[in-house]
PDB file of N, CA and C in Angstrom:
ATOM      1  N   MET A   1    -121.226  51.061  69.927  1.00  0.00           N
ATOM      2  CA  MET A   1    -121.854  51.695  69.221  1.00  0.00           C
ATOM      3  C   MET A   1    -121.571  50.492  67.862  1.00  0.00           C
ATOM      4  N   PRO A   2    -122.253  50.174  67.073  1.00  0.00           N
ATOM      5  CA  PRO A   2    -121.657  49.091  66.186  1.00  0.00           C
ATOM      6  C   PRO A   2    -121.156  49.228  64.976  1.00  0.00           C
ATOM      7  N   ILE A   3    -120.745  48.711  64.039  1.00  0.00           N
ATOM      8  CA  ILE A   3    -119.964  49.900  62.926  1.00  0.00           C
ATOM      9  C   ILE A   3    -120.290  49.828  61.933  1.00  0.00           C
ATOM     10  N   LYS A   4    -120.204  50.266  60.618  1.00  0.00           N
ATOM     11  CA  LYS A   4    -121.489  50.326  59.854  1.00  0.00           C
ATOM     12  C   LYS A   4    -120.622  49.864  58.352  1.00  0.00           C
ATOM     13  N   TRP A   5    -119.500  49.609  58.496  1.00  0.00           N
ATOM     14  CA  TRP A   5    -118.811  48.755  57.585  1.00  0.00           C
ATOM     15  C   TRP A   5    -118.231  47.039  58.137  1.00  0.00           C
ATOM     16  N   SER A   6    -118.223  46.551  56.822  1.00  0.00           N
ATOM     17  CA  SER A   6    -117.499  45.032  56.962  1.00  0.00           C
ATOM     18  C   SER A   6    -116.314  44.641  57.380  1.00  0.00           C
ATOM     19  N   ALA A   7    -116.650  44.165  58.792  1.00  0.00           N
ATOM     20  CA  ALA A   7    -115.324  43.753  59.337  1.00  0.00           C
ATOM     21  C   ALA A   7    -114.732  42.628  58.699  1.00  0.00           C
ATOM     22  N   LEU A   8    -115.299  41.786  58.197  1.00  0.00           N
ATOM     23  CA  LEU A   8    -114.620  40.566  57.595  1.00  0.00           C
ATOM     24  C   LEU A   8    -114.248  40.823  56.203  1.00  0.00           C
ATOM     25  N   LEU A   9    -114.910  41.585  55.528  1.00  0.00           N
ATOM     26  CA  LEU A   9    -114.528  41.852  54.104  1.00  0.00           C
ATOM     27  C   LEU A   9    -113.339  42.775  54.564  1.00  0.00           C
ATOM     28  N   VAL A  10    -113.281  43.160  55.205  1.00  0.00           N
ATOM     29  CA  VAL A  10    -111.466  44.093  55.637  1.00  0.00           C
ATOM     30  C   VAL A  10    -110.580  43.402  55.633  1.00  0.00           C
ATOM     31  N   ILE A  11    -110.598  41.749  56.675  1.00  0.00           N
ATOM     32  CA  ILE A  11    -110.082  41.153  56.486  1.00  0.00           C
ATOM     33  C   ILE A  11    -109.867  40.097  55.757  1.00  0.00           C
ATOM     34  N   GLU A  12    -110.813  39.884  54.808  1.00  0.00           N
ATOM     35  CA  GLU A  12    -110.483  39.289  53.513  1.00  0.00           C
ATOM     36  C   GLU A  12    -109.757  39.748  52.527  1.00  0.00           C
ATOM     37  N   ALA A  13    -109.579  41.350  52.139  1.00  0.00           N
ATOM     38  CA  ALA A  13    -108.778  42.196  51.781  1.00  0.00           C
ATOM     39  C   ALA A  13    -107.384  41.703  52.110  1.00  0.00           C
ATOM     40  N   ALA A  14    -107.387  41.782  53.825  1.00  0.00           N
ATOM     41  CA  ALA A  14    -106.025  41.604  53.931  1.00  0.00           C
ATOM     42  C   ALA A  14    -104.998  40.467  53.769  1.00  0.00           C
ATOM     43  N   ASP A  15    -106.161  39.496  53.615  1.00  0.00           N
ATOM     44  CA  ASP A  15    -105.408  38.538  53.321  1.00  0.00           C
ATOM     45  C   ASP A  15    -105.423  37.769  51.528  1.00  0.00           C
ATOM     46  N   MET A  16    -105.935  39.045  51.118  1.00  0.00           N
ATOM     47  CA  MET A  16    -105.587  38.808  49.382  1.00  0.00           C
ATOM     48  C   MET A  16    -104.421  39.882  49.223  1.00  0.00           C
ATOM     49  N   LEU A  17    -104.037  40.905  49.967  1.00  0.00           N
ATOM     50  CA  LEU A  17    -103.007  41.796  50.308  1.00  0.00           C
ATOM     51  C   LEU A  17    -101.687  40.442  50.440  1.00  0.00           C
ATOM     52  N   GLU A  18    -102.045  40.232  51.292  1.00  0.00           N
ATOM     53  CA  GLU A  18    -101.119  39.357  51.988  1.00  0.00           C
ATOM     54  C   GLU A  18     -99.931  38.366  50.992  1.00  0.00           C
ATOM     55  N   LYS A  19    -101.281  37.859  50.209  1.00  0.00           N
ATOM     56  CA  LYS A  19    -101.154  37.079  49.193  1.00  0.00           C
ATOM     57  C   LYS A  19    -100.399  37.669  48.468  1.00  0.00           C
ATOM     58  N   HIS A  20    -100.558  38.755  47.626  1.00  0.00           N
ATOM     59  CA  HIS A  20     -99.705  39.593  47.214  1.00  0.00           C
ATOM     60  C   HIS A  20     -98.889  39.591  46.737  1.00  0.00           C
ATOM     61  N   ILE A  21     -98.383  40.555  48.468  1.00  0.00           N
ATOM     62  CA  ILE A  21     -96.638  40.869  49.184  1.00  0.00           C
ATOM     63  C   ILE A  21     -96.405  39.446  49.550  1.00  0.00           C
ATOM     64  N   ASN A  22     -96.681  38.292  49.472  1.00  0.00           N
ATOM     65  CA  ASN A  22     -95.520  37.169  49.478  1.00  0.00           C
ATOM     66  C   ASN A  22     -95.288  36.912  48.518  1.00  0.00           C
ATOM     67  N   ALA A  23     -95.809  37.474  47.035  1.00  0.00           N
ATOM     68  CA  ALA A  23     -95.595  36.857  46.240  1.00  0.00           C
ATOM     69  C   ALA A  23     -94.679  38.250  45.739  1.00  0.00           C
ATOM     70  N   ALA A  24     -93.995  39.042  45.893  1.00  0.00           N
ATOM     71  CA  ALA A  24     -93.336  40.572  45.555  1.00  0.00           C
ATOM     72  C   ALA A  24     -92.281  40.139  46.423  1.00  0.00           C
ATOM     73  N   VAL A  25     -92.320  39.293  47.908  1.00  0.00           N
ATOM     74  CA  VAL A  25     -91.049  39.288  48.923  1.00  0.00           C
ATOM     75  C   VAL A  25     -89.945  38.514  47.830  1.00  0.00           C
ATOM     76  N   GLU A  26     -90.232  37.639  47.126  1.00  0.00           N
ATOM     77  CA  GLU A  26     -89.212  36.109  46.712  1.00  0.00           C
ATOM     78  C   GLU A  26     -88.286  37.167  45.232  1.00  0.00           C
ATOM     79  N   PRO A  27     -89.032  37.959  44.511  1.00  0.00           N
ATOM     80  CA  PRO A  27     -88.152  38.938  43.201  1.00  0.00           C
ATOM     81  C   PRO A  27     -87.520  39.968  44.471  1.00  0.00           C
ATOM     82  N   LEU A  28     -88.031  40.466  44.919  1.00  0.00           N
ATOM     83  CA  LEU A  28     -87.142  41.708  46.325  1.00  0.00           C
ATOM     84  C   LEU A  28     -86.160  40.711  46.602  1.00  0.00           C
ATOM     85  N   GLU A  29     -86.190  39.493  47.637  1.00  0.00           N
ATOM     86  CA  GLU A  29     -84.528  39.081  47.751  1.00  0.00           C
ATOM     87  C   GLU A  29     -84.118  39.076  46.786  1.00  0.00           C
ATOM     88  N   CYS A  30     -84.438  38.640  45.872  1.00  0.00           N
ATOM     89  CA  CYS A  30     -83.220  38.357  44.620  1.00  0.00           C
ATOM     90  C   CYS A  30     -82.930  39.338  44.207  1.00  0.00           C
ATOM     91  N   ALA A  31     -83.674  40.949  44.014  1.00  0.00           N
ATOM     92  CA  ALA A  31     -83.110  41.824  43.973  1.00  0.00           C
ATOM     93  C   ALA A  31     -82.444  42.155  45.145  1.00  0.00           C
ATOM     94  N   ARG A  32     -81.912  42.518  46.591  1.00  0.00           N
ATOM     95  CA  ARG A  32     -80.764  42.655  47.380  1.00  0.00           C
ATOM     96  C   ARG A  32     -79.998  41.487  46.876  1.00  0.00           C
ATOM     97  N   GLU A  33     -79.958  40.356  46.528  1.00  0.00           N
ATOM     98  CA  GLU A  33     -78.984  38.964  46.113  1.00  0.00           C
ATOM     99  C   GLU A  33     -78.149  40.023  45.322  1.00  0.00           C
ATOM    100  N   VAL A  34     -78.728  40.448  44.189  1.00  0.00           N
ATOM    101  CA  VAL A  34     -78.255  41.060  43.243  1.00  0.00           C
ATOM    102  C   VAL A  34     -77.399  42.155  43.864  1.00  0.00           C
ATOM    103  N   ALA A  35     -77.710  43.310  43.840  1.00  0.00           N
ATOM    104  CA  ALA A  35     -77.738  44.598  45.076  1.00  0.00           C
ATOM    105  C   ALA A  35     -76.057  44.281  45.437  1.00  0.00           C
ATOM    106  N   LYS A  36     -76.457  43.127  46.216  1.00  0.00           N
ATOM    107  CA  LYS A  36     -74.840  42.618  46.822  1.00  0.00           C
ATOM    108  C   LYS A  36     -74.199  42.299  46.108  1.00  0.00           C
ATOM    109  N   ALA A  37     -74.481  41.613  45.301  1.00  0.00           N
ATOM    110  CA  ALA A  37     -72.873  40.819  44.449  1.00  0.00           C
ATOM    111  C   ALA A  37     -72.338  42.498  43.783  1.00  0.00           C
ATOM    112  N   THR A  38     -73.002  43.102  43.330  1.00  0.00           N
ATOM    113  CA  THR A  38     -72.757  44.514  42.794  1.00  0.00           C
ATOM    114  C   THR A  38     -72.377  45.356  43.546  1.00  0.00           C
ATOM    115  N   LEU A  39     -71.919  45.118  44.866  1.00  0.00           N
ATOM    116  CA  LEU A  39     -70.981  46.056  45.788  1.00  0.00           C
ATOM    117  C   LEU A  39     -69.710  45.365  45.786  1.00  0.00           C
ATOM    118  N   GLU A  40     -69.764  43.916  45.258  1.00  0.00           N
ATOM    119  CA  GLU A  40     -68.079  43.116  45.182  1.00  0.00           C
ATOM    120  C   GLU A  40     -67.647  43.795  44.285  1.00  0.00           C
ATOM    121  N   ILE A  41     -68.117  44.228  43.189  1.00  0.00           N
ATOM    122  CA  ILE A  41     -67.348  44.802  41.648  1.00  0.00           C
ATOM    123  C   ILE A  41     -65.978  45.828  42.489  1.00  0.00           C
ATOM    124  N   PRO A  42     -65.137  45.345  42.075  1.00  0.00           N
ATOM    125  CA  PRO A  42     -63.553  45.607  41.916  1.00  0.00           C
ATOM    126  C   PRO A  42     -64.098  47.561  41.779  1.00  0.00           C
ATOM    127  N   GLN A  43     -63.438  48.533  42.504  1.00  0.00           N
ATOM    128  CA  GLN A  43     -62.750  49.593  42.315  1.00  0.00           C
ATOM    129  C   GLN A  43     -64.105  50.726  41.765  1.00  0.00           C
ATOM    130  N   LEU A  44     -65.290  49.808  42.610  1.00  0.00           N
ATOM    131  CA  LEU A  44     -66.445  50.331  42.592  1.00  0.00           C
ATOM    132  C   LEU A  44     -67.116  51.944  43.258  1.00  0.00           C
ATOM    133  N   PRO A  45     -66.838  53.146  42.543  1.00  0.00           N
ATOM    134  CA  PRO A  45     -66.679  54.004  43.030  1.00  0.00           C
ATOM    135  C   PRO A  45     -68.036  54.511  44.225  1.00  0.00           C
ATOM    136  N   GLN A  46     -67.491  55.161  45.035  1.00  0.00           N
ATOM    137  CA  GLN A  46     -68.015  55.091  46.368  1.00  0.00           C
ATOM    138  C   GLN A  46     -69.696  55.809  46.189  1.00  0.00           C
ATOM    139  N   TYR A  47     -69.618  57.141  45.106  1.00  0.00           N
ATOM    140  CA  TYR A  47     -70.942  57.633  44.941  1.00  0.00           C
ATOM    141  C   TYR A  47     -72.413  56.409  44.248  1.00  0.00           C
ATOM    142  N   VAL A  48     -71.618  55.375  43.624  1.00  0.00           N
ATOM    143  CA  VAL A  48     -73.088  55.023  42.814  1.00  0.00           C
ATOM    144  C   VAL A  48     -72.961  53.342  44.795  1.00  0.00           C
ATOM    145  N   GLU A  49     -71.324  53.470  45.077  1.00  0.00           N
ATOM    146  CA  GLU A  49     -71.978  52.086  46.048  1.00  0.00           C
ATOM    147  C   GLU A  49     -72.426  53.279  47.337  1.00  0.00           C
ATOM    148  N   GLN A  50     -72.982  54.058  47.664  1.00  0.00           N
ATOM    149  CA  GLN A  50     -74.223  54.378  48.448  1.00  0.00           C
ATOM    150  C   GLN A  50     -75.207  53.939  48.131  1.00  0.00           C
ATOM    151  N   ARG A  51     -74.909  54.814  46.544  1.00  0.00           N
ATOM    152  CA  ARG A  51     -76.986  54.467  45.594  1.00  0.00           C
ATOM    153  C   ARG A  51     -77.212  52.829  46.445  1.00  0.00           C
ATOM    154  N   ILE A  52     -76.336  52.563  45.662  1.00  0.00           N
ATOM    155  CA  ILE A  52     -76.779  50.618  45.292  1.00  0.00           C
ATOM    156  C   ILE A  52     -77.206  50.214  47.595  1.00  0.00           C
ATOM    157  N   ASN A  53     -76.569  50.651  48.147  1.00  0.00           N
ATOM    158  CA  ASN A  53     -76.562  50.609  49.516  1.00  0.00           C
ATOM    159  C   ASN A  53     -78.017  51.417  50.104  1.00  0.00           C
ATOM    160  N   GLY A  54     -78.527  52.603  49.544  1.00  0.00           N
ATOM    161  CA  GLY A  54     -80.037  52.983  50.171  1.00  0.00           C
ATOM    162  C   GLY A  54     -80.660  51.951  49.565  1.00  0.00           C
ATOM    163  N   LEU A  55     -80.712  51.803  48.029  1.00  0.00           N
ATOM    164  CA  LEU A  55     -81.317  50.264  47.315  1.00  0.00           C
ATOM    165  C   LEU A  55     -81.606  49.536  48.494  1.00  0.00           C
ATOM    166  N   LEU A  56     -80.566  48.689  48.723  1.00  0.00           N
ATOM    167  CA  LEU A  56     -80.756  47.840  49.228  1.00  0.00           C
ATOM    168  C   LEU A  56     -81.265  47.940  50.802  1.00  0.00           C
ATOM    169  N   GLY A  57     -81.042  49.118  51.460  1.00  0.00           N
ATOM    170  CA  GLY A  57     -82.082  50.051  52.854  1.00  0.00           C
ATOM    171  C   GLY A  57     -83.186  49.952  52.174  1.00  0.00           C
ATOM    172  N   GLU A  58     -83.587  50.792  51.016  1.00  0.00           N
ATOM    173  CA  GLU A  58     -85.158  50.415  50.978  1.00  0.00           C
ATOM    174  C   GLU A  58     -86.177  49.419  50.676  1.00  0.00           C
ATOM    175  N   ILE A  59     -85.183  48.146  50.206  1.00  0.00           N
ATOM    176  CA  ILE A  59     -85.932  46.478  49.833  1.00  0.00           C
ATOM    177  C   ILE A  59     -85.823  45.748  51.527  1.00  0.00           C
ATOM    178  N   GLU A  60     -84.714  46.164  52.578  1.00  0.00           N
ATOM    179  CA  GLU A  60     -84.837  45.834  53.585  1.00  0.00           C
ATOM    180  C   GLU A  60     -85.968  45.921  54.638  1.00  0.00           C
ATOM    181  N   ARG A  61     -86.223  47.871  54.573  1.00  0.00           N
ATOM    182  CA  ARG A  61     -87.325  48.348  55.298  1.00  0.00           C
ATOM    183  C   ARG A  61     -88.603  47.795  54.559  1.00  0.00           C
ATOM    184  N   ALA A  62     -88.946  47.375  53.134  1.00  0.00           N
ATOM    185  CA  ALA A  62     -90.144  46.725  52.475  1.00  0.00           C
ATOM    186  C   ALA A  62     -90.004  45.411  52.887  1.00  0.00           C
ATOM    187  N   ILE A  63     -89.469  44.144  52.931  1.00  0.00           N
ATOM    188  CA  ILE A  63     -89.611  42.923  53.145  1.00  0.00           C
ATOM    189  C   ILE A  63     -88.840  42.515  54.454  1.00  0.00           C
ATOM    190  N   GLY A  64     -88.416  43.147  55.152  1.00  0.00           N
ATOM    191  CA  GLY A  64     -87.494  42.706  56.092  1.00  0.00           C
ATOM    192  C   GLY A  64     -86.113  42.208  55.873  1.00  0.00           C
ATOM    193  N   GLY A  65     -85.511  41.385  56.884  1.00  0.00           N
ATOM    194  CA  GLY A  65     -84.827  40.439  56.836  1.00  0.00           C
ATOM    195  C   GLY A  65     -83.439  41.042  57.630  1.00  0.00           C
ATOM    196  N   SER A  66     -83.181  42.392  57.828  1.00  0.00           N
ATOM    197  CA  SER A  66     -81.881  42.890  58.887  1.00  0.00           C
ATOM    198  C   SER A  66     -82.414  43.049  60.076  1.00  0.00           C
ATOM    199  N   HIS A  67     -81.503  43.491  61.093  1.00  0.00           N
ATOM    200  CA  HIS A  67     -81.661  43.794  62.675  1.00  0.00           C
ATOM    201  C   HIS A  67     -82.667  44.601  62.845  1.00  0.00           C
ATOM    202  N   SER A  68     -82.125  45.829  61.665  1.00  0.00           N
ATOM    203  CA  SER A  68     -83.532  46.875  62.179  1.00  0.00           C
ATOM    204  C   SER A  68     -84.060  46.846  61.638  1.00  0.00           C
ATOM    205  N   GLU A  69     -84.674  46.035  60.381  1.00  0.00           N
ATOM    206  CA  GLU A  69     -86.518  45.916  60.460  1.00  0.00           C
ATOM    207  C   GLU A  69     -86.688  44.184  59.941  1.00  0.00           C
ATOM    208  N   PRO A  70     -86.936  43.696  61.336  1.00  0.00           N
ATOM    209  CA  PRO A  70     -86.594  41.817  61.172  1.00  0.00           C
ATOM    210  C   PRO A  70     -88.102  41.525  60.270  1.00  0.00           C
ATOM    211  N   VAL A  71     -89.064  42.323  60.531  1.00  0.00           N
ATOM    212  CA  VAL A  71     -90.609  42.032  59.870  1.00  0.00           C
ATOM    213  C   VAL A  71     -90.694  42.593  58.492  1.00  0.00           C
ATOM    214  N   GLY A  72     -90.039  43.275  58.495  1.00  0.00           N
ATOM    215  CA  GLY A  72     -90.753  44.465  56.956  1.00  0.00           C
ATOM    216  C   GLY A  72     -91.768  45.573  57.366  1.00  0.00           C
ATOM    217  N   ARG A  73     -91.740  46.409  56.183  1.00  0.00           N
ATOM    218  CA  ARG A  73     -92.819  47.518  56.863  1.00  0.00           C
ATOM    219  C   ARG A  73     -93.952  46.856  55.968  1.00  0.00           C
ATOM    220  N   LEU A  74     -94.119  46.077  54.952  1.00  0.00           N
ATOM    221  CA  LEU A  74     -95.156  45.917  54.413  1.00  0.00           C
ATOM    222  C   LEU A  74     -96.333  44.745  55.072  1.00  0.00           C
ATOM    223  N   LYS A  75     -95.310  43.815  56.123  1.00  0.00           N
ATOM    224  CA  LYS A  75     -95.876  42.847  56.462  1.00  0.00           C
ATOM    225  C   LYS A  75     -96.564  44.028  57.916  1.00  0.00           C
ATOM    226  N   ALA A  76     -95.713  44.536  58.633  1.00  0.00           N
ATOM    227  CA  ALA A  76     -96.201  45.279  59.559  1.00  0.00           C
ATOM    228  C   ALA A  76     -97.292  45.922  59.375  1.00  0.00           C
ATOM    229  N   ARG A  77     -97.145  46.977  58.502  1.00  0.00           N
ATOM    230  CA  ARG A  77     -98.377  47.091  57.793  1.00  0.00           C
ATOM    231  C   ARG A  77     -99.775  46.550  57.746  1.00  0.00           C
ATOM    232  N   LEU A  78     -99.534  45.479  57.027  1.00  0.00           N
ATOM    233  CA  LEU A  78    -100.768  44.659  57.395  1.00  0.00           C
ATOM    234  C   LEU A  78    -101.113  44.192  58.214  1.00  0.00           C
ATOM    235  N   GLN A  79    -100.174  43.617  58.845  1.00  0.00           N
ATOM    236  CA  GLN A  79    -100.688  43.238  60.645  1.00  0.00           C
ATOM    237  C   GLN A  79    -101.436  44.257  60.993  1.00  0.00           C
ATOM    238  N   SER A  80    -101.006  45.397  60.795  1.00  0.00           N
ATOM    239  CA  SER A  80    -101.898  47.101  61.478  1.00  0.00           C
ATOM    240  C   SER A  80    -103.148  47.310  61.187  1.00  0.00           C
ATOM    241  N   ILE A  81    -103.419  46.716  60.224  1.00  0.00           N
ATOM    242  CA  ILE A  81    -104.147  46.644  59.199  1.00  0.00           C
ATOM    243  C   ILE A  81    -105.443  45.877  60.031  1.00  0.00           C
ATOM    244  N   ARG A  82    -104.997  44.541  60.496  1.00  0.00           N
ATOM    245  CA  ARG A  82    -105.477  43.096  60.805  1.00  0.00           C
ATOM    246  C   ARG A  82    -105.978  43.666  62.463  1.00  0.00           C
ATOM    247  N   ASP A  83    -104.840  44.014  63.359  1.00  0.00           N
ATOM    248  CA  ASP A  83    -105.215  44.456  64.575  1.00  0.00           C
ATOM    249  C   ASP A  83    -106.065  45.648  64.741  1.00  0.00           C
ATOM    250  N   SER A  84    -106.144  46.425  63.498  1.00  0.00           N
ATOM    251  CA  SER A  84    -107.529  47.680  63.921  1.00  0.00           C
ATOM    252  C   SER A  84    -108.756  46.768  63.666  1.00  0.00           C
ATOM    253  N   VAL A  85    -109.107  45.778  63.353  1.00  0.00           N
ATOM    254  CA  VAL A  85    -110.270  45.074  63.017  1.00  0.00           C
ATOM    255  C   VAL A  85    -111.050  44.737  64.561  1.00  0.00           C
ATOM    256  N   PRO A  86    -112.597  45.128  65.309  1.00  0.00           N
ATOM    257  CA  PRO A  86    -112.632  44.388  66.038  1.00  0.00           C
ATOM    258  C   PRO A  86    -113.047  43.179  66.327  1.00  0.00           C
ATOM    259  N   LYS A  87    -112.317  43.068  67.280  1.00  0.00           N
ATOM    260  CA  LYS A  87    -112.332  40.876  67.055  1.00  0.00           C
ATOM    261  C   LYS A  87    -113.764  40.517  67.130  1.00  0.00           C
ATOM    262  N   ASP A  88    -114.493  41.122  68.567  1.00  0.00           N
ATOM    263  CA  ASP A  88    -115.824  40.737  68.670  1.00  0.00           C
ATOM    264  C   ASP A  88    -116.983  40.684  67.408  1.00  0.00           C
ATOM    265  N   THR A  89    -116.638  42.106  66.637  1.00  0.00           N
ATOM    266  CA  THR A  89    -117.711  42.475  65.075  1.00  0.00           C
ATOM    267  C   THR A  89    -116.660  41.435  64.715  1.00  0.00           C
ATOM    268  N   LEU A  90    -115.449  40.888  63.940  1.00  0.00           N
ATOM    269  CA  LEU A  90    -115.181  39.903  63.400  1.00  0.00           C
ATOM    270  C   LEU A  90    -116.215  38.226  63.694  1.00  0.00           C
ATOM    271  N   GLU A  91    -116.037  38.142  64.908  1.00  0.00           N
ATOM    272  CA  GLU A  91    -116.409  37.054  65.437  1.00  0.00           C
ATOM    273  C   GLU A  91    -117.789  37.081  64.600  1.00  0.00           C
ATOM    274  N   LYS A  92    -118.973  37.918  65.413  1.00  0.00           N
ATOM    275  CA  LYS A  92    -120.351  38.287  65.079  1.00  0.00           C
ATOM    276  C   LYS A  92    -120.181  38.176  63.600  1.00  0.00           C
ATOM    277  N   GLU A  93    -119.936  39.297  62.968  1.00  0.00           N
ATOM    278  CA  GLU A  93    -119.848  39.240  61.107  1.00  0.00           C
ATOM    279  C   GLU A  93    -119.757  37.161  60.518  1.00  0.00           C
ATOM    280  N   LYS A  94    -118.693  37.256  61.164  1.00  0.00           N
ATOM    281  CA  LYS A  94    -118.319  34.972  60.930  1.00  0.00           C
ATOM    282  C   LYS A  94    -119.424  34.623  60.544  1.00  0.00           C
ATOM    283  N   LYS A  95    -120.025  33.976  61.874  1.00  0.00           N
ATOM    284  CA  LYS A  95    -121.237  33.621  62.743  1.00  0.00           C
ATOM    285  C   LYS A  95    -122.391  33.823  61.418  1.00  0.00           C
ATOM    286  N   SER A  96    -122.701  35.198  61.594  1.00  0.00           N
ATOM    287  CA  SER A  96    -123.952  35.750  60.688  1.00  0.00           C
ATOM    288  C   SER A  96    -123.266  35.050  58.906  1.00  0.00           C
ATOM    289  N   ALA A  97    -122.569  34.884  58.993  1.00  0.00           N
ATOM    290  CA  ALA A  97    -121.817  34.508  57.292  1.00  0.00           C
ATOM    291  C   ALA A  97    -122.200  33.094  57.105  1.00  0.00           C
ATOM    292  N   GLU A  98    -121.570  31.977  58.694  1.00  0.00           N
ATOM    293  CA  GLU A  98    -122.059  30.732  58.406  1.00  0.00           C
ATOM    294  C   GLU A  98    -123.401  30.608  58.089  1.00  0.00           C
ATOM    295  N   TYR A  99    -124.374  31.087  58.502  1.00  0.00           N
ATOM    296  CA  TYR A  99    -125.816  30.814  59.092  1.00  0.00           C
ATOM    297  C   TYR A  99    -126.649  31.490  58.183  1.00  0.00           C
ATOM    298  N   GLY A 100    -125.441  32.241  57.360  1.00  0.00           N
ATOM    299  CA  GLY A 100    -126.411  32.495  56.146  1.00  0.00           C
ATOM    300  C   GLY A 100    -127.827  33.975  56.554  1.00  0.00           C
ATOM    301  N   LYS A 101    -128.086  34.463  55.462  1.00  0.00           N
ATOM    302  CA  LYS A 101    -129.199  35.577  56.008  1.00  0.00           C
ATOM    303  C   LYS A 101    -130.404  35.098  55.952  1.00  0.00           C
ATOM    304  N   GLN A 102    -131.602  35.022  57.162  1.00  0.00           N
ATOM    305  CA  GLN A 102    -132.737  34.434  56.134  1.00  0.00           C
ATOM    306  C   GLN A 102    -133.189  35.819  56.053  1.00  0.00           C
ATOM    307  N   GLN A 103    -135.012  35.396  55.089  1.00  0.00           N
ATOM    308  CA  GLN A 103    -135.592  36.258  54.881  1.00  0.00           C
ATOM    309  C   GLN A 103    -136.465  36.623  55.429  1.00  0.00           C
ATOM    310  N   SER A 104    -136.895  37.535  56.027  1.00  0.00           N
ATOM    311  CA  SER A 104    -137.838  38.024  56.960  1.00  0.00           C
ATOM    312  C   SER A 104    -139.474  36.979  56.191  1.00  0.00           C
ATOM    313  N   LEU A 105    -140.214  36.641  57.106  1.00  0.00           N
ATOM    314  CA  LEU A 105    -141.305  36.375  56.803  1.00  0.00           C
ATOM    315  C   LEU A 105    -142.478  37.513  56.436  1.00  0.00           C
ATOM    316  N   VAL A 106    -142.008  38.875  56.909  1.00  0.00           N
ATOM    317  CA  VAL A 106    -143.403  39.778  57.249  1.00  0.00           C
ATOM    318  C   VAL A 106    -143.108  40.828  56.326  1.00  0.00           C
TER     319      VAL A 106
END
């Protein structure tokens, strides 16, 4: 059964999403380093430390870099979008786009 949506547009959107996600990774890595440095403050109360560790966990879940989240949920979710697009349909759409649309003579 042919799909009624454009697989090519979904992949193009995923590529744009990836660019935005990659642009967000560097600031989040900086935030992670600041949070780690904050944990080194002498006599930091445990309740503050817990909140900082919670923030670190959220950052690592989002962008990866820990043992439990090596890839990061954002990139993993993005890959699941790409994986859900039927490959044969994508290839057909790419070929059609290469040749362009030809108007009917009738």
